[in-house]
Amino acid sequence: MSPVFRRKTPPRPERPENHHVTLIRKPGCHLCDAAQLVVEKVCGDLGVPWEPKDITEDRQLHDAYWEQIPVVLVDGEQHTFWRVNEERLRRALDG
């Protein structure tokens, strides 16, 4: 077929840079355990790296978030606290 008649396919939109999730938690916190399950599931499904941080081992995190744990940060910005909504986190990471 002549190049003149070939249909051009539109370029696919590029995926944004891979995100990074931080879960700020403390030992013995049932809300933290529940939040970790959601973070593990969503990040695992989307291939997004994540890390837990213990508020009892970091004075700066303790001072900033002690009343809100668990806290989820996406790319260093606070996404949510206390309860993690799976669909909301998924939208933040997939879009």
Protein backbone atom coordinates (compact mmCIF):
# COMPACT_ATOMS: atom_id res chain seq x y z
CA MET A 1 0.00 0.00 0.00
CA SER A 2 1.24 3.44 -0.81
CA PRO A 3 2.40 5.55 2.16
CA VAL A 4 -0.08 8.20 1.08
CA PHE A 5 -3.01 5.90 1.90
CA ARG A 6 -1.67 4.38 5.10
CA ARG A 7 -3.60 5.29 8.18
CA LYS A 8 -1.43 6.88 10.79
CA THR A 9 -1.97 5.54 14.25
CA PRO A 10 -1.98 8.21 16.92
CA PRO A 11 0.90 7.99 19.35
CA ARG A 12 0.11 6.18 22.58
CA PRO A 13 0.16 8.44 25.60
CA GLU A 14 3.22 7.87 27.70
CA ARG A 15 2.75 6.52 31.17
CA PRO A 16 3.87 8.91 33.85
CA GLU A 17 7.06 8.19 35.71
CA ASN A 18 6.77 5.33 38.12
CA HIS A 19 5.43 6.48 41.45
CA HIS A 20 6.74 5.66 44.90
CA VAL A 21 4.52 5.00 47.91
CA THR A 22 5.53 5.37 51.55
CA LEU A 23 3.43 3.94 54.36
CA ILE A 24 4.10 5.63 57.68
CA ARG A 25 3.06 3.27 60.46
CA LYS A 26 3.89 1.95 63.90
CA PRO A 27 4.02 -1.52 65.41
CA GLY A 28 0.83 -2.87 66.98
CA CYS A 29 -1.47 -0.54 65.04
CA HIS A 30 -4.44 -2.41 63.55
CA LEU A 31 -5.25 0.45 61.15
CA CYS A 32 -1.62 0.33 59.98
CA ASP A 33 -1.89 -3.40 59.32
CA ALA A 34 -5.07 -2.86 57.29
CA ALA A 35 -3.47 0.01 55.36
CA GLN A 36 -0.44 -2.13 54.57
CA LEU A 37 -2.63 -4.84 53.04
CA VAL A 38 -4.20 -2.27 50.70
CA VAL A 39 -0.85 -0.69 49.79
CA GLU A 40 0.72 -4.11 49.14
CA LYS A 41 -2.19 -5.14 46.90
CA VAL A 42 -2.43 -1.95 44.85
CA CYS A 43 1.32 -1.44 44.49
CA GLY A 44 1.78 -5.11 43.64
CA ASP A 45 -0.92 -4.98 40.97
CA LEU A 46 0.55 -1.84 39.39
CA GLY A 47 4.23 -2.59 39.89
CA VAL A 48 4.76 0.50 42.02
CA PRO A 49 7.55 0.38 44.60
CA TRP A 50 6.61 1.09 48.19
CA GLU A 51 8.27 1.18 51.58
CA PRO A 52 7.08 1.16 55.18
CA LYS A 53 8.48 3.67 57.65
CA ASP A 54 8.16 3.21 61.39
CA ILE A 55 7.07 6.41 63.12
CA THR A 56 8.70 5.23 66.36
CA GLU A 57 12.13 5.23 64.69
CA ASP A 58 12.01 8.67 63.07
CA ARG A 59 11.47 11.76 65.22
CA GLN A 60 10.66 13.98 62.22
CA LEU A 61 7.93 11.61 60.99
CA HIS A 62 6.61 11.28 64.54
CA ASP A 63 6.33 15.04 64.97
CA ALA A 64 4.64 15.48 61.59
CA TYR A 65 2.20 12.54 61.59
CA TRP A 66 1.74 11.05 65.07
CA GLU A 67 -1.97 11.94 65.21
CA GLN A 68 -2.72 10.66 61.70
CA ILE A 69 -1.09 7.25 61.34
CA PRO A 70 -1.23 5.30 59.20
CA VAL A 71 -0.30 7.87 56.58
CA VAL A 72 0.23 7.11 52.91
CA LEU A 73 2.53 9.33 50.88
CA VAL A 74 2.57 9.19 47.09
CA ASP A 75 5.74 10.64 45.65
CA GLY A 76 6.44 12.33 48.97
CA GLU A 77 3.05 14.07 49.20
CA GLN A 78 0.38 13.04 51.69
CA HIS A 79 -2.29 11.02 49.93
CA THR A 80 -4.40 9.83 52.84
CA PHE A 81 -4.40 8.90 56.51
CA TRP A 82 -6.19 6.54 58.90
CA ARG A 83 -8.06 4.46 56.32
CA VAL A 84 -6.74 3.72 52.84
CA ASN A 85 -9.28 3.48 50.04
CA GLU A 86 -8.07 0.95 47.48
CA GLU A 87 -9.77 2.54 44.46
CA ARG A 88 -8.62 6.06 45.35
CA LEU A 89 -5.01 4.88 45.74
CA ARG A 90 -5.23 2.92 42.50
CA ARG A 91 -6.49 6.02 40.62
CA ALA A 92 -3.67 8.15 42.06
CA LEU A 93 -1.05 5.65 40.91
CA ASP A 94 -2.53 4.58 37.58
CA GLY A 95 -3.36 7.94 36.15
